[in-house]
Amino acid sequence: MANQELLILAGHAWQCPDCRRLLLEAPEKALRGHRLTPDEHERLTSLTAEDFTSLSALAKALDVEVSDLYDIMNHARTRLRHF
């Protein structure tokens, strides 16, 4: 399973249009202060609007399992944590 922080950030961006917009337009600002490996940081900063067309497209872009993204969606930090 991927780093929980990566999944929480991606899951929140999936659910929150404002944070998704921030992630796509100003990824460095959106990710400041989050504990990510350089690889995870690169995967999140490389996302495009097309990667958010479906959960499977997002999982593919991040190189994570769809089931891991799906499972994290109900985590309290995913639902409540804005960038």
Protein backbone atom coordinates (compact mmCIF):
# COMPACT_ATOMS: atom_id res chain seq x y z
CA MET A 1 0.00 0.00 0.00
CA ALA A 2 1.20 3.51 -0.78
CA ASN A 3 2.08 6.03 1.91
CA GLN A 4 -1.10 6.97 3.75
CA GLU A 5 -0.26 10.70 3.42
CA LEU A 6 -0.16 10.40 -0.39
CA LEU A 7 -3.49 8.59 -0.41
CA ILE A 8 -5.12 11.08 1.97
CA LEU A 9 -4.00 14.06 -0.12
CA ALA A 10 -5.10 12.44 -3.38
CA GLY A 11 -8.39 11.28 -1.86
CA HIS A 12 -9.14 14.73 -0.50
CA ALA A 13 -8.32 16.36 -3.84
CA TRP A 14 -10.71 13.88 -5.46
CA GLN A 15 -13.52 14.95 -3.10
CA CYS A 16 -12.82 18.69 -2.74
CA PRO A 17 -12.92 20.81 -5.92
CA ASP A 18 -11.23 23.80 -4.22
CA CYS A 19 -8.26 21.76 -3.00
CA ARG A 20 -8.05 19.94 -6.34
CA ARG A 21 -7.83 23.30 -8.12
CA LEU A 22 -5.09 24.43 -5.72
CA LEU A 23 -3.18 21.19 -6.23
CA LEU A 24 -3.37 21.55 -10.01
CA GLU A 25 -2.63 25.29 -10.15
CA ALA A 26 -0.09 25.67 -7.32
CA PRO A 27 1.13 22.21 -6.28
CA GLU A 28 4.13 23.48 -4.30
CA LYS A 29 1.84 25.65 -2.18
CA ALA A 30 -0.70 22.84 -1.75
CA LEU A 31 1.89 20.29 -0.65
CA ARG A 32 4.00 22.50 1.62
CA GLY A 33 4.42 20.92 5.02
CA HIS A 34 3.19 17.45 4.10
CA ARG A 35 5.42 14.45 4.79
CA LEU A 36 6.00 12.98 1.36
CA THR A 37 8.92 11.22 -0.21
CA PRO A 38 10.46 12.96 -3.23
CA ASP A 39 8.79 10.36 -5.47
CA GLU A 40 5.36 10.92 -3.92
CA HIS A 41 5.80 14.68 -4.16
CA GLU A 42 6.65 14.31 -7.86
CA ARG A 43 3.62 12.10 -8.49
CA LEU A 44 1.27 14.63 -6.88
CA THR A 45 2.81 17.66 -8.61
CA SER A 46 2.55 15.90 -11.97
CA LEU A 47 -1.22 15.41 -11.79
CA THR A 48 -3.42 17.01 -14.43
CA ALA A 49 -7.15 17.68 -14.62
CA GLU A 50 -7.49 14.60 -16.84
CA ASP A 51 -6.18 12.43 -14.00
CA PHE A 52 -9.29 13.36 -12.02
CA THR A 53 -11.77 12.08 -14.62
CA SER A 54 -12.14 8.79 -12.75
CA LEU A 55 -10.80 7.12 -9.65
CA SER A 56 -9.01 4.56 -11.80
CA ALA A 57 -7.34 7.34 -13.83
CA LEU A 58 -6.16 8.98 -10.61
CA ALA A 59 -4.85 5.68 -9.25
CA LYS A 60 -2.99 5.02 -12.50
CA ALA A 61 -1.43 8.51 -12.51
CA LEU A 62 -0.24 8.03 -8.92
CA ASP A 63 0.82 4.40 -9.43
CA VAL A 64 -1.37 3.19 -6.55
CA GLU A 65 -4.12 0.61 -6.30
CA VAL A 66 -7.69 1.79 -6.94
CA SER A 67 -8.75 -0.18 -3.88
CA ASP A 68 -6.28 1.76 -1.69
CA LEU A 69 -7.70 5.07 -2.91
CA TYR A 70 -11.24 3.82 -2.46
CA ASP A 71 -10.49 2.59 1.07
CA ILE A 72 -8.99 5.95 2.15
CA MET A 73 -12.03 7.97 1.02
CA ASN A 74 -13.86 7.53 4.35
CA HIS A 75 -10.84 8.30 6.52
CA ALA A 76 -11.63 11.37 8.66
CA ARG A 77 -8.47 13.19 7.56
CA THR A 78 -9.39 12.63 3.90
CA ARG A 79 -12.84 14.16 4.33
CA LEU A 80 -11.88 17.06 6.58
CA ARG A 81 -8.32 18.03 5.71
CA HIS A 82 -8.08 20.97 3.35
CA PHE A 83 -4.77 21.94 1.81
